[in-house]
Structures are given as structure tokens and as C-alpha cells.
């Protein structure tokens, strides 16, 4: 169960970050469901990257997972929204 908590934190933070980034940039190219899913996937990736590269820094634990998830979800959602808008 302890291994599942960081992943859930990353997924939730990624979904929030993806929706916030897409909403702030007024991207209408992808739906709310799509940007939530893309944000969750980006949250997992961002959380993993932050834990790999920031392992020796002071940011560890659930706070680091949440921040990595927010950033990763926002970035991936923005990229997918831009690509989808360009394709239309």
C-alpha cells in the first residue's frame, strides 16, 4: 500500500495540473476528459523524473510527488493540446 500512495499522488496532481494548464491557456483542442487523462499520465512521468533527478535534494516524499505531478501533468497536457490544435 505504501508504494501506491506516491503514484496516486502523482496521478491526482497530474490531472489537476493538466486541467489547470489547459484552462489557463484556453486550449479547446482537447476535451476535459482527455486533458485529465493526459495530465494524469504526465503526472506519473513528472513525478518519476523529479524523484530520479532530485533524489539528493531536500524535496522528497509526497510533496515532491505532488509538485512533480503538477508540473508533469501541465507540461504534457499543454504539449498534447498544442499538437491537437495544430492538427485541426
PDB file of N, CA and C in Angstrom:
ATOM      1  N   UNK A   1       0.815  -1.196   0.000  1.00  0.00           N
ATOM      2  CA  UNK A   1       0.000   0.000   0.000  1.00  0.00           C
ATOM      3  C   UNK A   1       0.859   1.260   0.000  1.00  0.00           C
ATOM      4  N   UNK A   2       2.014   1.194   0.657  1.00  0.00           N
ATOM      5  CA  UNK A   2       2.873   2.366   0.712  1.00  0.00           C
ATOM      6  C   UNK A   2       3.465   2.716  -0.645  1.00  0.00           C
ATOM      7  N   UNK A   3       3.604   1.748  -1.517  1.00  0.00           N
ATOM      8  CA  UNK A   3       4.120   2.025  -2.856  1.00  0.00           C
ATOM      9  C   UNK A   3       3.052   2.664  -3.738  1.00  0.00           C
ATOM     10  N   UNK A   4       1.796   2.505  -3.381  1.00  0.00           N
ATOM     11  CA  UNK A   4       0.698   3.027  -4.175  1.00  0.00           C
ATOM     12  C   UNK A   4       0.401   4.495  -3.888  1.00  0.00           C
ATOM     13  N   UNK A   5       0.709   4.967  -2.705  1.00  0.00           N
ATOM     14  CA  UNK A   5       0.395   6.348  -2.314  1.00  0.00           C
ATOM     15  C   UNK A   5       1.139   7.381  -3.164  1.00  0.00           C
ATOM     16  N   UNK A   6       2.452   7.230  -3.422  1.00  0.00           N
ATOM     17  CA  UNK A   6       3.103   8.212  -4.295  1.00  0.00           C
ATOM     18  C   UNK A   6       2.538   8.229  -5.712  1.00  0.00           C
ATOM     19  N   UNK A   7       2.170   7.072  -6.235  1.00  0.00           N
ATOM     20  CA  UNK A   7       1.608   7.017  -7.583  1.00  0.00           C
ATOM     21  C   UNK A   7       0.245   7.698  -7.622  1.00  0.00           C
ATOM     22  N   UNK A   8      -0.578   7.457  -6.616  1.00  0.00           N
ATOM     23  CA  UNK A   8      -1.879   8.131  -6.561  1.00  0.00           C
ATOM     24  C   UNK A   8      -1.723   9.641  -6.428  1.00  0.00           C
ATOM     25  N   UNK A   9      -0.739  10.067  -5.656  1.00  0.00           N
ATOM     26  CA  UNK A   9      -0.470  11.496  -5.512  1.00  0.00           C
ATOM     27  C   UNK A   9      -0.058  12.097  -6.851  1.00  0.00           C
ATOM     28  N   UNK A  10       0.785  11.391  -7.587  1.00  0.00           N
ATOM     29  CA  UNK A  10       1.232  11.874  -8.890  1.00  0.00           C
ATOM     30  C   UNK A  10       0.084  11.933  -9.889  1.00  0.00           C
ATOM     31  N   UNK A  11      -0.775  10.918  -9.875  1.00  0.00           N
ATOM     32  CA  UNK A  11      -1.910  10.885 -10.803  1.00  0.00           C
ATOM     33  C   UNK A  11      -2.878  12.030 -10.520  1.00  0.00           C
ATOM     34  N   UNK A  12      -3.217  12.226  -9.266  1.00  0.00           N
ATOM     35  CA  UNK A  12      -4.159  13.291  -8.908  1.00  0.00           C
ATOM     36  C   UNK A  12      -3.558  14.666  -9.183  1.00  0.00           C
ATOM     37  N   UNK A  13      -2.314  14.855  -8.795  1.00  0.00           N
ATOM     38  CA  UNK A  13      -1.665  16.149  -9.046  1.00  0.00           C
ATOM     39  C   UNK A  13      -1.493  16.391 -10.539  1.00  0.00           C
ATOM     40  N   UNK A  14      -1.199  15.353 -11.293  1.00  0.00           N
ATOM     41  CA  UNK A  14      -1.068  15.493 -12.742  1.00  0.00           C
ATOM     42  C   UNK A  14      -2.372  15.869 -13.407  1.00  0.00           C
ATOM     43  N   UNK A  15      -3.473  15.263 -12.956  1.00  0.00           N
ATOM     44  CA  UNK A  15      -4.787  15.607 -13.508  1.00  0.00           C
ATOM     45  C   UNK A  15      -5.138  17.056 -13.199  1.00  0.00           C
ATOM     46  N   UNK A  16      -4.852  17.489 -11.991  1.00  0.00           N
ATOM     47  CA  UNK A  16      -5.111  18.886 -11.614  1.00  0.00           C
ATOM     48  C   UNK A  16      -4.216  19.823 -12.421  1.00  0.00           C
ATOM     49  N   UNK A  17      -2.943  19.484 -12.531  1.00  0.00           N
ATOM     50  CA  UNK A  17      -2.009  20.321 -13.298  1.00  0.00           C
ATOM     51  C   UNK A  17      -2.366  20.384 -14.766  1.00  0.00           C
ATOM     52  N   UNK A  18      -2.793  19.268 -15.333  1.00  0.00           N
ATOM     53  CA  UNK A  18      -3.184  19.253 -16.745  1.00  0.00           C
ATOM     54  C   UNK A  18      -4.401  20.109 -17.012  1.00  0.00           C
ATOM     55  N   UNK A  19      -5.400  20.018 -16.145  1.00  0.00           N
ATOM     56  CA  UNK A  19      -6.598  20.847 -16.316  1.00  0.00           C
ATOM     57  C   UNK A  19      -6.308  22.315 -16.069  1.00  0.00           C
ATOM     58  N   UNK A  20      -5.466  22.602 -15.100  1.00  0.00           N
ATOM     59  CA  UNK A  20      -5.127  24.000 -14.815  1.00  0.00           C
ATOM     60  C   UNK A  20      -4.345  24.627 -15.960  1.00  0.00           C
ATOM     61  N   UNK A  21      -3.381  23.900 -16.493  1.00  0.00           N
ATOM     62  CA  UNK A  21      -2.576  24.441 -17.592  1.00  0.00           C
ATOM     63  C   UNK A  21      -3.415  24.635 -18.847  1.00  0.00           C
ATOM     64  N   UNK A  22      -4.253  23.664 -19.165  1.00  0.00           N
ATOM     65  CA  UNK A  22      -5.102  23.796 -20.350  1.00  0.00           C
ATOM     66  C   UNK A  22      -6.139  24.892 -20.177  1.00  0.00           C
ATOM     67  N   UNK A  23      -6.652  25.023 -18.974  1.00  0.00           N
ATOM     68  CA  UNK A  23      -7.622  26.085 -18.720  1.00  0.00           C
ATOM     69  C   UNK A  23      -6.995  27.460 -18.770  1.00  0.00           C
ATOM     70  N   UNK A  24      -5.779  27.560 -18.266  1.00  0.00           N
ATOM     71  CA  UNK A  24      -5.095  28.857 -18.272  1.00  0.00           C
ATOM     72  C   UNK A  24      -4.711  29.280 -19.680  1.00  0.00           C
ATOM     73  N   UNK A  25      -4.406  28.315 -20.525  1.00  0.00           N
ATOM     74  CA  UNK A  25      -4.011  28.629 -21.896  1.00  0.00           C
ATOM     75  C   UNK A  25      -5.194  28.640 -22.852  1.00  0.00           C
ATOM     76  N   UNK A  26      -6.394  28.420 -22.319  1.00  0.00           N
ATOM     77  CA  UNK A  26      -7.632  28.436 -23.098  1.00  0.00           C
ATOM     78  C   UNK A  26      -7.578  27.474 -24.288  1.00  0.00           C
ATOM     79  N   UNK A  27      -7.031  26.281 -24.035  1.00  0.00           N
ATOM     80  CA  UNK A  27      -6.967  25.278 -25.093  1.00  0.00           C
ATOM     81  C   UNK A  27      -8.293  24.549 -25.183  1.00  0.00           C
ATOM     82  N   UNK A  28      -8.899  24.600 -26.344  1.00  0.00           N
ATOM     83  CA  UNK A  28     -10.152  23.900 -26.552  1.00  0.00           C
ATOM     84  C   UNK A  28      -9.960  22.733 -27.512  1.00  0.00           C
ATOM     85  N   UNK A  29      -8.713  22.425 -27.839  1.00  0.00           N
ATOM     86  CA  UNK A  29      -8.436  21.369 -28.795  1.00  0.00           C
ATOM     87  C   UNK A  29      -8.741  19.985 -28.229  1.00  0.00           C
ATOM     88  N   UNK A  30      -8.614  19.816 -26.935  1.00  0.00           N
ATOM     89  CA  UNK A  30      -8.915  18.520 -26.328  1.00  0.00           C
ATOM     90  C   UNK A  30      -9.969  18.712 -25.244  1.00  0.00           C
ATOM     91  N   UNK A  31     -10.727  17.664 -25.013  1.00  0.00           N
ATOM     92  CA  UNK A  31     -11.824  17.744 -24.041  1.00  0.00           C
ATOM     93  C   UNK A  31     -11.290  17.669 -22.610  1.00  0.00           C
ATOM     94  N   UNK A  32     -12.176  17.895 -21.676  1.00  0.00           N
ATOM     95  CA  UNK A  32     -11.804  17.858 -20.264  1.00  0.00           C
ATOM     96  C   UNK A  32     -11.355  16.456 -19.866  1.00  0.00           C
ATOM     97  N   UNK A  33     -12.043  15.447 -20.362  1.00  0.00           N
ATOM     98  CA  UNK A  33     -11.667  14.066 -20.044  1.00  0.00           C
ATOM     99  C   UNK A  33     -10.285  13.746 -20.597  1.00  0.00           C
ATOM    100  N   UNK A  34     -10.029  14.161 -21.832  1.00  0.00           N
ATOM    101  CA  UNK A  34      -8.732  13.886 -22.455  1.00  0.00           C
ATOM    102  C   UNK A  34      -7.604  14.595 -21.720  1.00  0.00           C
ATOM    103  N   UNK A  35      -7.811  15.852 -21.354  1.00  0.00           N
ATOM    104  CA  UNK A  35      -6.722  16.550 -20.671  1.00  0.00           C
ATOM    105  C   UNK A  35      -6.527  16.051 -19.246  1.00  0.00           C
ATOM    106  N   UNK A  36      -7.577  15.495 -18.635  1.00  0.00           N
ATOM    107  CA  UNK A  36      -7.420  14.878 -17.318  1.00  0.00           C
ATOM    108  C   UNK A  36      -6.587  13.607 -17.421  1.00  0.00           C
ATOM    109  N   UNK A  37      -6.868  12.792 -18.432  1.00  0.00           N
ATOM    110  CA  UNK A  37      -6.104  11.554 -18.627  1.00  0.00           C
ATOM    111  C   UNK A  37      -4.666  11.862 -19.006  1.00  0.00           C
ATOM    112  N   UNK A  38      -4.475  12.792 -19.919  1.00  0.00           N
ATOM    113  CA  UNK A  38      -3.115  13.168 -20.324  1.00  0.00           C
ATOM    114  C   UNK A  38      -2.370  13.786 -19.151  1.00  0.00           C
ATOM    115  N   UNK A  39      -3.031  14.584 -18.366  1.00  0.00           N
ATOM    116  CA  UNK A  39      -2.410  15.169 -17.184  1.00  0.00           C
ATOM    117  C   UNK A  39      -2.006  14.125 -16.167  1.00  0.00           C
ATOM    118  N   UNK A  40      -2.849  13.101 -15.987  1.00  0.00           N
ATOM    119  CA  UNK A  40      -2.521  12.022 -15.052  1.00  0.00           C
ATOM    120  C   UNK A  40      -1.297  11.245 -15.523  1.00  0.00           C
ATOM    121  N   UNK A  41      -1.229  10.979 -16.823  1.00  0.00           N
ATOM    122  CA  UNK A  41      -0.053  10.291 -17.372  1.00  0.00           C
ATOM    123  C   UNK A  41       1.193  11.159 -17.220  1.00  0.00           C
ATOM    124  N   UNK A  42       1.061  12.435 -17.516  1.00  0.00           N
ATOM    125  CA  UNK A  42       2.185  13.353 -17.334  1.00  0.00           C
ATOM    126  C   UNK A  42       2.583  13.497 -15.878  1.00  0.00           C
ATOM    127  N   UNK A  43       1.619  13.389 -14.991  1.00  0.00           N
ATOM    128  CA  UNK A  43       1.907  13.461 -13.559  1.00  0.00           C
ATOM    129  C   UNK A  43       2.772  12.310 -13.093  1.00  0.00           C
ATOM    130  N   UNK A  44       2.489  11.124 -13.597  1.00  0.00           N
ATOM    131  CA  UNK A  44       3.319   9.969 -13.241  1.00  0.00           C
ATOM    132  C   UNK A  44       4.734  10.159 -13.780  1.00  0.00           C
ATOM    133  N   UNK A  45       4.838  10.590 -15.033  1.00  0.00           N
ATOM    134  CA  UNK A  45       6.159  10.822 -15.615  1.00  0.00           C
ATOM    135  C   UNK A  45       6.923  11.930 -14.927  1.00  0.00           C
ATOM    136  N   UNK A  46       6.247  13.017 -14.631  1.00  0.00           N
ATOM    137  CA  UNK A  46       6.901  14.132 -13.950  1.00  0.00           C
ATOM    138  C   UNK A  46       7.342  13.783 -12.545  1.00  0.00           C
ATOM    139  N   UNK A  47       6.513  13.033 -11.847  1.00  0.00           N
ATOM    140  CA  UNK A  47       6.881  12.597 -10.500  1.00  0.00           C
ATOM    141  C   UNK A  47       8.080  11.668 -10.508  1.00  0.00           C
ATOM    142  N   UNK A  48       8.114  10.771 -11.492  1.00  0.00           N
ATOM    143  CA  UNK A  48       9.255   9.860 -11.598  1.00  0.00           C
ATOM    144  C   UNK A  48      10.538  10.603 -11.968  1.00  0.00           C
ATOM    145  N   UNK A  49      10.422  11.551 -12.892  1.00  0.00           N
ATOM    146  CA  UNK A  49      11.610  12.327 -13.269  1.00  0.00           C
ATOM    147  C   UNK A  49      12.140  13.150 -12.108  1.00  0.00           C
ATOM    148  N   UNK A  50      11.247  13.762 -11.358  1.00  0.00           N
ATOM    149  CA  UNK A  50      11.682  14.567 -10.222  1.00  0.00           C
ATOM    150  C   UNK A  50      12.338  13.704  -9.150  1.00  0.00           C
ATOM    151  N   UNK A  51      11.800  12.512  -8.934  1.00  0.00           N
ATOM    152  CA  UNK A  51      12.411  11.643  -7.927  1.00  0.00           C
ATOM    153  C   UNK A  51      13.745  11.081  -8.410  1.00  0.00           C
ATOM    154  N   UNK A  52      13.904  10.898  -9.723  1.00  0.00           N
ATOM    155  CA  UNK A  52      15.188  10.409 -10.246  1.00  0.00           C
ATOM    156  C   UNK A  52      16.265  11.483 -10.157  1.00  0.00           C
ATOM    157  N   UNK A  53      15.945  12.686 -10.611  1.00  0.00           N
ATOM    158  CA  UNK A  53      16.949  13.741 -10.681  1.00  0.00           C
ATOM    159  C   UNK A  53      17.043  14.565  -9.410  1.00  0.00           C
ATOM    160  N   UNK A  54      15.996  14.593  -8.609  1.00  0.00           N
ATOM    161  CA  UNK A  54      16.011  15.373  -7.379  1.00  0.00           C
ATOM    162  C   UNK A  54      16.108  14.505  -6.154  1.00  0.00           C
ATOM    163  N   UNK A  55      16.655  13.325  -6.301  1.00  0.00           N
ATOM    164  CA  UNK A  55      16.712  12.383  -5.194  1.00  0.00           C
ATOM    165  C   UNK A  55      17.570  12.852  -4.042  1.00  0.00           C
ATOM    166  N   UNK A  56      18.622  13.575  -4.333  1.00  0.00           N
ATOM    167  CA  UNK A  56      19.507  14.042  -3.274  1.00  0.00           C
ATOM    168  C   UNK A  56      19.106  15.405  -2.735  1.00  0.00           C
ATOM    169  N   UNK A  57      18.167  16.049  -3.388  1.00  0.00           N
ATOM    170  CA  UNK A  57      17.728  17.368  -2.933  1.00  0.00           C
ATOM    171  C   UNK A  57      16.821  17.218  -1.717  1.00  0.00           C
ATOM    172  N   UNK A  58      16.421  18.324  -1.188  1.00  0.00           N
ATOM    173  CA  UNK A  58      15.586  18.327   0.013  1.00  0.00           C
ATOM    174  C   UNK A  58      14.145  17.923  -0.302  1.00  0.00           C
ATOM    175  N   UNK A  59      13.791  17.900  -1.582  1.00  0.00           N
ATOM    176  CA  UNK A  59      12.414  17.589  -1.954  1.00  0.00           C
ATOM    177  C   UNK A  59      12.245  16.082  -2.082  1.00  0.00           C
ATOM    178  N   UNK A  60      11.705  15.470  -1.072  1.00  0.00           N
ATOM    179  CA  UNK A  60      11.404  14.048  -1.115  1.00  0.00           C
ATOM    180  C   UNK A  60      10.022  13.825  -0.533  1.00  0.00           C
ATOM    181  N   UNK A  61       9.466  12.701  -0.780  1.00  0.00           N
ATOM    182  CA  UNK A  61       8.180  12.357  -0.203  1.00  0.00           C
ATOM    183  C   UNK A  61       7.012  12.818  -1.031  1.00  0.00           C
ATOM    184  N   UNK A  62       5.869  12.959  -0.365  1.00  0.00           N
ATOM    185  CA  UNK A  62       4.631  13.284  -1.054  1.00  0.00           C
ATOM    186  C   UNK A  62       4.620  14.689  -1.642  1.00  0.00           C
ATOM    187  N   UNK A  63       5.335  15.609  -1.028  1.00  0.00           N
ATOM    188  CA  UNK A  63       5.396  16.972  -1.568  1.00  0.00           C
ATOM    189  C   UNK A  63       6.088  16.961  -2.925  1.00  0.00           C
ATOM    190  N   UNK A  64       7.191  16.237  -3.018  1.00  0.00           N
ATOM    191  CA  UNK A  64       7.914  16.139  -4.288  1.00  0.00           C
ATOM    192  C   UNK A  64       7.064  15.425  -5.329  1.00  0.00           C
ATOM    193  N   UNK A  65       6.344  14.384  -4.924  1.00  0.00           N
ATOM    194  CA  UNK A  65       5.461  13.688  -5.855  1.00  0.00           C
ATOM    195  C   UNK A  65       4.365  14.607  -6.359  1.00  0.00           C
ATOM    196  N   UNK A  66       3.802  15.411  -5.472  1.00  0.00           N
ATOM    197  CA  UNK A  66       2.756  16.345  -5.866  1.00  0.00           C
ATOM    198  C   UNK A  66       3.257  17.430  -6.802  1.00  0.00           C
ATOM    199  N   UNK A  67       4.404  17.994  -6.494  1.00  0.00           N
ATOM    200  CA  UNK A  67       4.965  19.043  -7.347  1.00  0.00           C
ATOM    201  C   UNK A  67       5.361  18.481  -8.705  1.00  0.00           C
ATOM    202  N   UNK A  68       6.003  17.325  -8.703  1.00  0.00           N
ATOM    203  CA  UNK A  68       6.367  16.687  -9.964  1.00  0.00           C
ATOM    204  C   UNK A  68       5.149  16.334 -10.790  1.00  0.00           C
ATOM    205  N   UNK A  69       4.090  15.888 -10.127  1.00  0.00           N
ATOM    206  CA  UNK A  69       2.854  15.579 -10.825  1.00  0.00           C
ATOM    207  C   UNK A  69       2.194  16.798 -11.428  1.00  0.00           C
ATOM    208  N   UNK A  70       2.157  17.886 -10.682  1.00  0.00           N
ATOM    209  CA  UNK A  70       1.570  19.131 -11.202  1.00  0.00           C
ATOM    210  C   UNK A  70       2.322  19.627 -12.432  1.00  0.00           C
ATOM    211  N   UNK A  71       3.632  19.651 -12.325  1.00  0.00           N
ATOM    212  CA  UNK A  71       4.443  20.160 -13.431  1.00  0.00           C
ATOM    213  C   UNK A  71       4.371  19.231 -14.639  1.00  0.00           C
ATOM    214  N   UNK A  72       4.529  17.933 -14.396  1.00  0.00           N
ATOM    215  CA  UNK A  72       4.486  16.972 -15.496  1.00  0.00           C
ATOM    216  C   UNK A  72       3.143  16.936 -16.187  1.00  0.00           C
ATOM    217  N   UNK A  73       2.061  16.964 -15.418  1.00  0.00           N
ATOM    218  CA  UNK A  73       0.723  16.974 -15.999  1.00  0.00           C
ATOM    219  C   UNK A  73       0.450  18.229 -16.800  1.00  0.00           C
ATOM    220  N   UNK A  74       0.889  19.354 -16.283  1.00  0.00           N
ATOM    221  CA  UNK A  74       0.704  20.612 -17.010  1.00  0.00           C
ATOM    222  C   UNK A  74       1.477  20.660 -18.308  1.00  0.00           C
ATOM    223  N   UNK A  75       2.705  20.187 -18.269  1.00  0.00           N
ATOM    224  CA  UNK A  75       3.541  20.219 -19.474  1.00  0.00           C
ATOM    225  C   UNK A  75       2.992  19.279 -20.543  1.00  0.00           C
ATOM    226  N   UNK A  76       2.685  18.040 -20.168  1.00  0.00           N
ATOM    227  CA  UNK A  76       2.197  17.077 -21.159  1.00  0.00           C
ATOM    228  C   UNK A  76       0.840  17.483 -21.708  1.00  0.00           C
ATOM    229  N   UNK A  77      -0.026  18.006 -20.891  1.00  0.00           N
ATOM    230  CA  UNK A  77      -1.330  18.460 -21.355  1.00  0.00           C
ATOM    231  C   UNK A  77      -1.193  19.635 -22.320  1.00  0.00           C
ATOM    232  N   UNK A  78      -0.269  20.520 -22.046  1.00  0.00           N
ATOM    233  CA  UNK A  78      -0.019  21.646 -22.944  1.00  0.00           C
ATOM    234  C   UNK A  78       0.526  21.184 -24.282  1.00  0.00           C
ATOM    235  N   UNK A  79       1.440  20.233 -24.254  1.00  0.00           N
ATOM    236  CA  UNK A  79       2.012  19.716 -25.495  1.00  0.00           C
ATOM    237  C   UNK A  79       0.947  19.011 -26.336  1.00  0.00           C
ATOM    238  N   UNK A  80       0.147  18.155 -25.703  1.00  0.00           N
ATOM    239  CA  UNK A  80      -0.898  17.436 -26.443  1.00  0.00           C
ATOM    240  C   UNK A  80      -1.937  18.418 -26.980  1.00  0.00           C
ATOM    241  N   UNK A  81      -2.293  19.421 -26.205  1.00  0.00           N
ATOM    242  CA  UNK A  81      -3.249  20.427 -26.691  1.00  0.00           C
ATOM    243  C   UNK A  81      -2.728  21.212 -27.874  1.00  0.00           C
ATOM    244  N   UNK A  82      -1.448  21.543 -27.841  1.00  0.00           N
ATOM    245  CA  UNK A  82      -0.848  22.280 -28.955  1.00  0.00           C
ATOM    246  C   UNK A  82      -0.778  21.429 -30.212  1.00  0.00           C
ATOM    247  N   UNK A  83      -0.437  20.161 -30.050  1.00  0.00           N
ATOM    248  CA  UNK A  83      -0.370  19.260 -31.201  1.00  0.00           C
ATOM    249  C   UNK A  83      -1.763  19.020 -31.782  1.00  0.00           C
ATOM    250  N   UNK A  84      -2.756  18.839 -30.924  1.00  0.00           N
ATOM    251  CA  UNK A  84      -4.122  18.627 -31.390  1.00  0.00           C
ATOM    252  C   UNK A  84      -4.672  19.876 -32.073  1.00  0.00           C
ATOM    253  N   UNK A  85      -4.340  21.047 -31.590  1.00  0.00           N
ATOM    254  CA  UNK A  85      -4.798  22.279 -32.214  1.00  0.00           C
ATOM    255  C   UNK A  85      -4.129  22.483 -33.575  1.00  0.00           C
ATOM    256  N   UNK A  86      -2.864  22.091 -33.670  1.00  0.00           N
ATOM    257  CA  UNK A  86      -2.126  22.232 -34.917  1.00  0.00           C
ATOM    258  C   UNK A  86      -2.652  21.262 -35.972  1.00  0.00           C
ATOM    259  N   UNK A  87      -3.133  20.098 -35.516  1.00  0.00           N
ATOM    260  CA  UNK A  87      -3.630  19.094 -36.438  1.00  0.00           C
ATOM    261  C   UNK A  87      -4.981  19.470 -37.036  1.00  0.00           C
ATOM    262  N   UNK A  88      -5.711  20.325 -36.378  1.00  0.00           N
ATOM    263  CA  UNK A  88      -7.040  20.722 -36.882  1.00  0.00           C
ATOM    264  C   UNK A  88      -6.938  21.786 -37.888  1.00  0.00           C
TER     265      UNK A  88
END
